[in-house]
C-alpha atoms as a PDB file:
ATOM      1  CA  MET A   1      15.211  30.779  14.211  1.00  0.00           C
ATOM      2  CA  GLN A   2      18.741  30.850  12.888  1.00  0.00           C
ATOM      3  CA  SER A   3      19.304  31.900   9.300  1.00  0.00           C
ATOM      4  CA  GLY A   4      20.973  28.560   8.462  1.00  0.00           C
ATOM      5  CA  SER A   5      17.960  26.539   9.546  1.00  0.00           C
ATOM      6  CA  HIS A   6      15.641  29.007   7.804  1.00  0.00           C
ATOM      7  CA  SER A   7      17.624  28.547   4.598  1.00  0.00           C
ATOM      8  CA  LEU A   8      17.448  24.761   4.931  1.00  0.00           C
ATOM      9  CA  MET A   9      13.684  24.942   5.437  1.00  0.00           C
ATOM     10  CA  PHE A  10      13.316  27.170   2.389  1.00  0.00           C
ATOM     11  CA  ARG A  11      15.441  24.837   0.227  1.00  0.00           C
ATOM     12  CA  THR A  12      13.525  21.804   1.481  1.00  0.00           C
ATOM     13  CA  ASP A  13      10.174  23.424   0.712  1.00  0.00           C
ATOM     14  CA  ALA A  14      11.427  24.595  -2.697  1.00  0.00           C
ATOM     15  CA  PHE A  15      12.688  21.099  -3.555  1.00  0.00           C
ATOM     16  CA  ALA A  16       9.374  19.524  -2.513  1.00  0.00           C
ATOM     17  CA  SER A  17       7.379  22.013  -4.596  1.00  0.00           C
ATOM     18  CA  LYS A  18       9.647  21.754  -7.629  1.00  0.00           C
ATOM     19  CA  SER A  19       9.816  17.942  -7.497  1.00  0.00           C
ATOM     20  CA  ALA A  20       6.247  17.198  -6.375  1.00  0.00           C
ATOM     21  CA  ASN A  21       5.182  15.277  -9.479  1.00  0.00           C
ATOM     22  CA  LEU A  22       8.281  13.092  -9.506  1.00  0.00           C
ATOM     23  CA  LEU A  23       7.975  12.491  -5.762  1.00  0.00           C
ATOM     24  CA  ILE A  24       4.293  11.532  -6.135  1.00  0.00           C
ATOM     25  CA  LEU A  25       5.304   9.020  -8.834  1.00  0.00           C
ATOM     26  CA  ILE A  26       8.006   7.571  -6.578  1.00  0.00           C
ATOM     27  CA  GLY A  27       5.531   7.439  -3.680  1.00  0.00           C
ATOM     28  CA  ARG A  28       2.967   5.616  -5.817  1.00  0.00           C
ATOM     29  CA  ILE A  29       5.565   3.061  -6.930  1.00  0.00           C
ATOM     30  CA  LEU A  30       6.815   2.516  -3.376  1.00  0.00           C
ATOM     31  CA  LEU A  31       3.260   2.100  -2.099  1.00  0.00           C
ATOM     32  CA  ALA A  32       2.515  -0.378  -4.893  1.00  0.00           C
ATOM     33  CA  TRP A  33       5.662  -2.387  -4.220  1.00  0.00           C
ATOM     34  CA  VAL A  34       4.176  -4.160  -1.205  1.00  0.00           C
ATOM     35  CA  PHE A  35       1.321  -5.431  -3.391  1.00  0.00           C
ATOM     36  CA  VAL A  36       3.652  -6.417  -6.238  1.00  0.00           C
ATOM     37  CA  GLY A  37       5.721  -8.480  -3.812  1.00  0.00           C
ATOM     38  CA  SER A  38       2.708 -10.024  -2.126  1.00  0.00           C
ATOM     39  CA  ALA A  39       1.041 -10.954  -5.428  1.00  0.00           C
ATOM     40  CA  TYR A  40       4.293 -12.423  -6.754  1.00  0.00           C
ATOM     41  CA  GLY A  41       4.729 -14.481  -3.595  1.00  0.00           C
ATOM     42  CA  ALA A  42       1.160 -15.770  -3.761  1.00  0.00           C
ATOM     43  CA  ILE A  43       1.448 -16.632  -7.457  1.00  0.00           C
ATOM     44  CA  THR A  44       4.751 -18.471  -7.055  1.00  0.00           C
ATOM     45  CA  ASN A  45       3.585 -20.280  -3.904  1.00  0.00           C
ATOM     46  CA  PHE A  46      -0.153 -20.487  -4.404  1.00  0.00           C
ATOM     47  CA  SER A  47      -0.538 -23.542  -2.191  1.00  0.00           C
ATOM     48  CA  GLY A  48       1.346 -21.804   0.621  1.00  0.00           C
ATOM     49  CA  SER A  49      -0.957 -18.799   0.376  1.00  0.00           C
ATOM     50  CA  VAL A  50      -4.003 -21.068   0.371  1.00  0.00           C
ATOM     51  CA  GLY A  51      -2.608 -22.787   3.456  1.00  0.00           C
ATOM     52  CA  TYR A  52      -2.141 -19.465   5.194  1.00  0.00           C
ATOM     53  CA  PHE A  53      -5.718 -18.395   4.491  1.00  0.00           C
ATOM     54  CA  ARG A  54      -6.914 -21.837   5.561  1.00  0.00           C
ATOM     55  CA  SER A  55      -5.043 -21.381   8.858  1.00  0.00           C
ATOM     56  CA  LEU A  56      -7.074 -18.197   9.391  1.00  0.00           C
ATOM     57  CA  ASN A  57     -10.249 -20.284   9.000  1.00  0.00           C
ATOM     58  CA  LEU A  58     -11.379 -18.303   5.968  1.00  0.00           C
ATOM     59  CA  PRO A  59     -14.051 -19.871   3.772  1.00  0.00           C
ATOM     60  CA  ALA A  60     -12.975 -20.994   0.273  1.00  0.00           C
ATOM     61  CA  PRO A  61      -9.266 -20.264   0.775  1.00  0.00           C
ATOM     62  CA  GLU A  62      -8.468 -21.012  -2.888  1.00  0.00           C
ATOM     63  CA  LEU A  63     -11.002 -18.431  -4.056  1.00  0.00           C
ATOM     64  CA  PHE A  64      -9.829 -16.021  -1.365  1.00  0.00           C
ATOM     65  CA  THR A  65      -6.212 -16.413  -2.552  1.00  0.00           C
ATOM     66  CA  ALA A  66      -7.105 -15.930  -6.223  1.00  0.00           C
ATOM     67  CA  THR A  67      -9.225 -12.862  -5.411  1.00  0.00           C
ATOM     68  CA  THR A  68      -6.455 -11.404  -3.267  1.00  0.00           C
ATOM     69  CA  VAL A  69      -3.885 -11.883  -6.043  1.00  0.00           C
ATOM     70  CA  ALA A  70      -6.194 -10.280  -8.612  1.00  0.00           C
ATOM     71  CA  LEU A  71      -6.815  -7.276  -6.352  1.00  0.00           C
ATOM     72  CA  GLU A  72      -3.111  -6.895  -5.579  1.00  0.00           C
ATOM     73  CA  VAL A  73      -2.243  -6.936  -9.292  1.00  0.00           C
ATOM     74  CA  LEU A  74      -4.998  -4.396 -10.012  1.00  0.00           C
ATOM     75  CA  MET A  75      -3.893  -2.107  -7.180  1.00  0.00           C
ATOM     76  CA  SER A  76      -0.226  -2.379  -8.197  1.00  0.00           C
ATOM     77  CA  ALA A  77      -0.920  -1.516 -11.821  1.00  0.00           C
ATOM     78  CA  GLY A  78      -3.257   1.339 -10.918  1.00  0.00           C
ATOM     79  CA  LEU A  79      -0.732   2.894  -8.559  1.00  0.00           C
ATOM     80  CA  ILE A  80       2.329   2.402 -10.752  1.00  0.00           C
ATOM     81  CA  PHE A  81       0.702   3.683 -13.944  1.00  0.00           C
ATOM     82  CA  GLY A  82      -1.465   6.255 -12.199  1.00  0.00           C
ATOM     83  CA  LEU A  83      -4.682   4.960 -13.713  1.00  0.00           C
ATOM     84  CA  GLY A  84      -7.896   5.453 -11.744  1.00  0.00           C
ATOM     85  CA  THR A  85      -5.565   6.507  -8.972  1.00  0.00           C
ATOM     86  CA  ARG A  86      -8.065   7.944  -6.513  1.00  0.00           C
ATOM     87  CA  TYR A  87     -10.325   4.913  -6.898  1.00  0.00           C
ATOM     88  CA  VAL A  88      -7.337   2.618  -6.479  1.00  0.00           C
ATOM     89  CA  ALA A  89      -6.357   4.534  -3.333  1.00  0.00           C
ATOM     90  CA  ILE A  90      -9.820   3.869  -1.886  1.00  0.00           C
ATOM     91  CA  LEU A  91      -9.487   0.189  -2.850  1.00  0.00           C
ATOM     92  CA  VAL A  92      -6.035   0.018  -1.235  1.00  0.00           C
ATOM     93  CA  PHE A  93      -7.368   1.550   1.966  1.00  0.00           C
ATOM     94  CA  LEU A  94     -10.323  -0.862   2.172  1.00  0.00           C
ATOM     95  CA  PHE A  95      -8.249  -3.902   1.150  1.00  0.00           C
ATOM     96  CA  VAL A  96      -5.593  -3.193   3.761  1.00  0.00           C
ATOM     97  CA  LEU A  97      -8.217  -2.425   6.405  1.00  0.00           C
ATOM     98  CA  ALA A  98      -9.824  -5.825   5.746  1.00  0.00           C
ATOM     99  CA  ALA A  99      -6.453  -7.602   5.650  1.00  0.00           C
ATOM    100  CA  THR A 100      -5.506  -6.017   8.962  1.00  0.00           C
ATOM    101  CA  ALA A 101      -8.772  -7.023  10.612  1.00  0.00           C
ATOM    102  CA  ILE A 102      -8.521 -10.590   9.278  1.00  0.00           C
ATOM    103  CA  ALA A 103      -4.830 -11.429   9.391  1.00  0.00           C
ATOM    104  CA  HIS A 104      -3.004  -9.115  11.787  1.00  0.00           C
ATOM    105  CA  ARG A 105      -4.984  -9.315  14.995  1.00  0.00           C
ATOM    106  CA  TYR A 106      -1.885  -9.160  17.161  1.00  0.00           C
ATOM    107  CA  TRP A 107      -3.982  -9.074  20.335  1.00  0.00           C
ATOM    108  CA  ASP A 108      -5.078 -12.674  19.633  1.00  0.00           C
ATOM    109  CA  TYR A 109      -1.473 -13.910  20.014  1.00  0.00           C
ATOM    110  CA  PRO A 110       0.303 -14.642  23.278  1.00  0.00           C
ATOM    111  CA  PRO A 111       3.103 -12.235  24.219  1.00  0.00           C
ATOM    112  CA  GLY A 112       6.270 -13.124  22.353  1.00  0.00           C
ATOM    113  CA  PRO A 113       7.720 -13.243  18.843  1.00  0.00           C
ATOM    114  CA  GLN A 114       4.449 -14.036  17.031  1.00  0.00           C
ATOM    115  CA  GLN A 115       2.618 -11.165  18.710  1.00  0.00           C
ATOM    116  CA  ILE A 116       5.485  -8.801  17.941  1.00  0.00           C
ATOM    117  CA  GLY A 117       5.496  -9.898  14.280  1.00  0.00           C
ATOM    118  CA  GLN A 118       1.755  -9.429  13.980  1.00  0.00           C
ATOM    119  CA  TYR A 119       1.968  -6.050  15.722  1.00  0.00           C
ATOM    120  CA  ASN A 120       4.642  -4.930  13.257  1.00  0.00           C
ATOM    121  CA  ASN A 121       2.426  -6.042  10.360  1.00  0.00           C
ATOM    122  CA  PHE A 122      -0.484  -4.188  11.950  1.00  0.00           C
ATOM    123  CA  LEU A 123       1.614  -0.998  12.136  1.00  0.00           C
ATOM    124  CA  LYS A 124       2.851  -1.478   8.550  1.00  0.00           C
ATOM    125  CA  ASN A 125      -0.733  -1.746   7.385  1.00  0.00           C
ATOM    126  CA  ILE A 126      -1.751   1.384   9.254  1.00  0.00           C
ATOM    127  CA  SER A 127       1.090   3.180   7.447  1.00  0.00           C
ATOM    128  CA  ILE A 128      -0.035   1.829   4.067  1.00  0.00           C
ATOM    129  CA  MET A 129      -3.540   3.093   4.812  1.00  0.00           C
ATOM    130  CA  GLY A 130      -2.035   6.523   5.523  1.00  0.00           C
ATOM    131  CA  GLY A 131      -0.211   6.409   2.183  1.00  0.00           C
ATOM    132  CA  ALA A 132      -3.462   5.490   0.445  1.00  0.00           C
ATOM    133  CA  ILE A 133      -5.165   8.506   1.993  1.00  0.00           C
ATOM    134  CA  LEU A 134      -2.333  10.768   0.804  1.00  0.00           C
ATOM    135  CA  ILE A 135      -2.574   9.393  -2.746  1.00  0.00           C
ATOM    136  CA  PHE A 136      -6.346   9.867  -2.620  1.00  0.00           C
ATOM    137  CA  VAL A 137      -5.864  13.524  -1.683  1.00  0.00           C
ATOM    138  CA  THR A 138      -2.962  14.353  -4.019  1.00  0.00           C
ATOM    139  CA  GLY A 139      -4.120  12.297  -6.978  1.00  0.00           C
ATOM    140  CA  ALA A 140      -1.733  10.696  -9.408  1.00  0.00           C
ATOM    141  CA  GLY A 141       0.335  13.752 -10.280  1.00  0.00           C
ATOM    142  CA  ARG A 142       1.701  14.730 -13.667  1.00  0.00           C
ATOM    143  CA  PHE A 143       3.436  11.454 -14.471  1.00  0.00           C
ATOM    144  CA  SER A 144       0.331   9.311 -14.784  1.00  0.00           C
ATOM    145  CA  LEU A 145      -2.185   7.934 -17.205  1.00  0.00           C
ATOM    146  CA  ASP A 146      -4.844   9.849 -15.301  1.00  0.00           C
ATOM    147  CA  ARG A 147      -3.165  13.102 -16.344  1.00  0.00           C
ATOM    148  CA  LYS A 148      -2.691  11.861 -19.920  1.00  0.00           C
ATOM    149  CA  PHE A 149      -6.391  11.071 -20.176  1.00  0.00           C
ATOM    150  CA  GLY A 150      -7.420  14.319 -18.471  1.00  0.00           C
ATOM    151  CA  ARG A 151      -8.749  12.848 -15.226  1.00  0.00           C
END
């Protein structure tokens, strides 16, 4: 290994170690952002969200939409503020797993743009699940209500 690349690796590792708590906070906020956006969209276009869930043949689409919005708000707040973070990470993982199984079954679509879109959403959800696992393992970090309350 060349000394220049070794130095870069050392600086990268040092930065990650020194900045871990800030980076965990940023990661939590970025992970939450998808739920903030989804909840906002469902709240501002509730009938559109109900219609989408109805198109998936889900029972009680109004109740399903309201429950989804409530969970997304809860998950967003928990991740952003770092409150009950490990429990929220488990909830995120299970929520996204269910959403993927219900709404992003790309294999049910004929080849073409719809299948590609659903496949991309499937992959996005797999990535979110990976982020949830990382937050579960790392916890909320220093900049969190969990830390303030000694959890």
